Amino acid sequence: MVGISELSKMVSKKTGTTQKTARNVIKTFLDQIVSEADRKSKINLAGFGIFERRTQMARKARNPQTKKIIDVPKKDKFVFRASSKIKYK
């Protein structure tokens, strides 16, 4: 698994910037994606995919241990749909 440190090293080498600058740009970019998704915007990165926030409606579920039916409240989920360009490589 590649973390932000490794990613920032790779980006800094390719762009000729410092690792600290690359890390700041990556973090700012990710923060902006989450911020826009929280405002119910869809973020479409052509050739990569779409980020968005979706609401999962309230539903009933069964506890597998007790077999009792429980209510699951509605909640917002952060969703990413990959572009077909990267999905089928």
Protein backbone atom coordinates (compact mmCIF):
# COMPACT_ATOMS: atom_id res chain seq x y z
CA MET A 1 0.00 0.00 0.00
CA VAL A 2 1.24 3.48 -0.86
CA GLY A 3 0.73 6.23 1.69
CA ILE A 4 0.88 9.99 1.36
CA SER A 5 4.62 10.03 2.16
CA GLU A 6 5.49 7.65 -0.66
CA LEU A 7 3.08 9.41 -3.02
CA SER A 8 4.57 12.81 -2.22
CA LYS A 9 8.09 11.44 -2.88
CA MET A 10 7.03 10.22 -6.33
CA VAL A 11 5.23 13.47 -7.17
CA SER A 12 8.16 15.63 -5.99
CA LYS A 13 10.60 13.67 -8.18
CA LYS A 14 8.37 13.98 -11.26
CA THR A 15 7.60 17.67 -10.77
CA GLY A 16 10.95 18.88 -9.46
CA THR A 17 9.44 20.29 -6.27
CA THR A 18 10.18 19.50 -2.65
CA GLN A 19 8.49 16.60 -0.93
CA LYS A 20 6.89 19.02 1.54
CA THR A 21 5.37 21.07 -1.30
CA ALA A 22 4.08 17.93 -3.02
CA ARG A 23 2.54 16.70 0.24
CA ASN A 24 0.80 20.05 0.80
CA VAL A 25 -0.59 20.07 -2.74
CA ILE A 26 -1.89 16.48 -2.39
CA LYS A 27 -3.50 17.19 0.99
CA THR A 28 -5.09 20.41 -0.26
CA PHE A 29 -6.40 18.63 -3.35
CA LEU A 30 -7.97 15.84 -1.28
CA ASP A 31 -9.42 18.30 1.24
CA GLN A 32 -11.00 20.27 -1.62
CA ILE A 33 -12.58 17.12 -3.10
CA VAL A 34 -14.14 16.24 0.26
CA SER A 35 -15.27 19.84 0.80
CA GLU A 36 -16.99 20.00 -2.59
CA ALA A 37 -18.61 16.59 -2.04
CA ASP A 38 -19.92 17.79 1.34
CA ARG A 39 -21.61 20.65 -0.52
CA LYS A 40 -23.41 18.00 -2.64
CA SER A 41 -21.29 18.70 -5.74
CA LYS A 42 -20.09 15.94 -8.05
CA ILE A 43 -16.38 16.12 -8.77
CA ASN A 44 -15.64 14.72 -12.23
CA LEU A 45 -11.98 14.11 -13.01
CA ALA A 46 -12.01 13.18 -16.70
CA GLY A 47 -10.34 9.85 -17.35
CA PHE A 48 -10.17 9.06 -13.61
CA GLY A 49 -13.64 9.03 -12.06
CA ILE A 50 -16.37 10.82 -10.14
CA PHE A 51 -16.43 11.63 -6.43
CA GLU A 52 -19.71 12.45 -4.69
CA ARG A 53 -21.69 12.27 -1.47
CA ARG A 54 -24.81 10.08 -1.59
CA THR A 55 -27.52 9.58 1.00
CA GLN A 56 -28.29 6.00 1.96
CA MET A 57 -31.90 5.85 3.08
CA ALA A 58 -32.98 4.42 6.43
CA ARG A 59 -33.65 0.70 6.33
CA LYS A 60 -34.33 -2.36 8.42
CA ALA A 61 -31.59 -4.96 8.91
CA ARG A 62 -31.17 -8.17 10.83
CA ASN A 63 -28.58 -8.66 13.54
CA PRO A 64 -26.87 -11.93 12.50
CA GLN A 65 -26.13 -12.95 16.09
CA THR A 66 -29.55 -12.37 17.65
CA LYS A 67 -31.69 -12.55 14.46
CA LYS A 68 -33.46 -9.45 15.77
CA ILE A 69 -34.56 -6.78 13.27
CA ILE A 70 -33.01 -3.37 13.87
CA ASP A 71 -33.50 0.07 12.32
CA VAL A 72 -30.49 1.50 10.50
CA PRO A 73 -30.72 5.31 10.22
CA LYS A 74 -30.11 7.18 6.97
CA LYS A 75 -26.53 8.34 6.43
CA ASP A 76 -24.36 10.12 3.91
CA LYS A 77 -21.69 8.09 2.15
CA PHE A 78 -18.65 9.26 0.21
CA VAL A 79 -18.63 7.45 -3.14
CA PHE A 80 -16.09 7.11 -5.95
CA ARG A 81 -17.00 5.71 -9.38
CA ALA A 82 -13.97 4.85 -11.48
CA SER A 83 -13.78 5.86 -15.11
CA SER A 84 -13.91 3.03 -17.64
CA LYS A 85 -10.40 4.08 -18.69
CA ILE A 86 -8.95 2.90 -15.37
CA LYS A 87 -11.61 0.34 -14.54
CA TYR A 88 -10.73 -2.01 -17.40
CA LYS A 89 -6.94 -1.78 -17.63
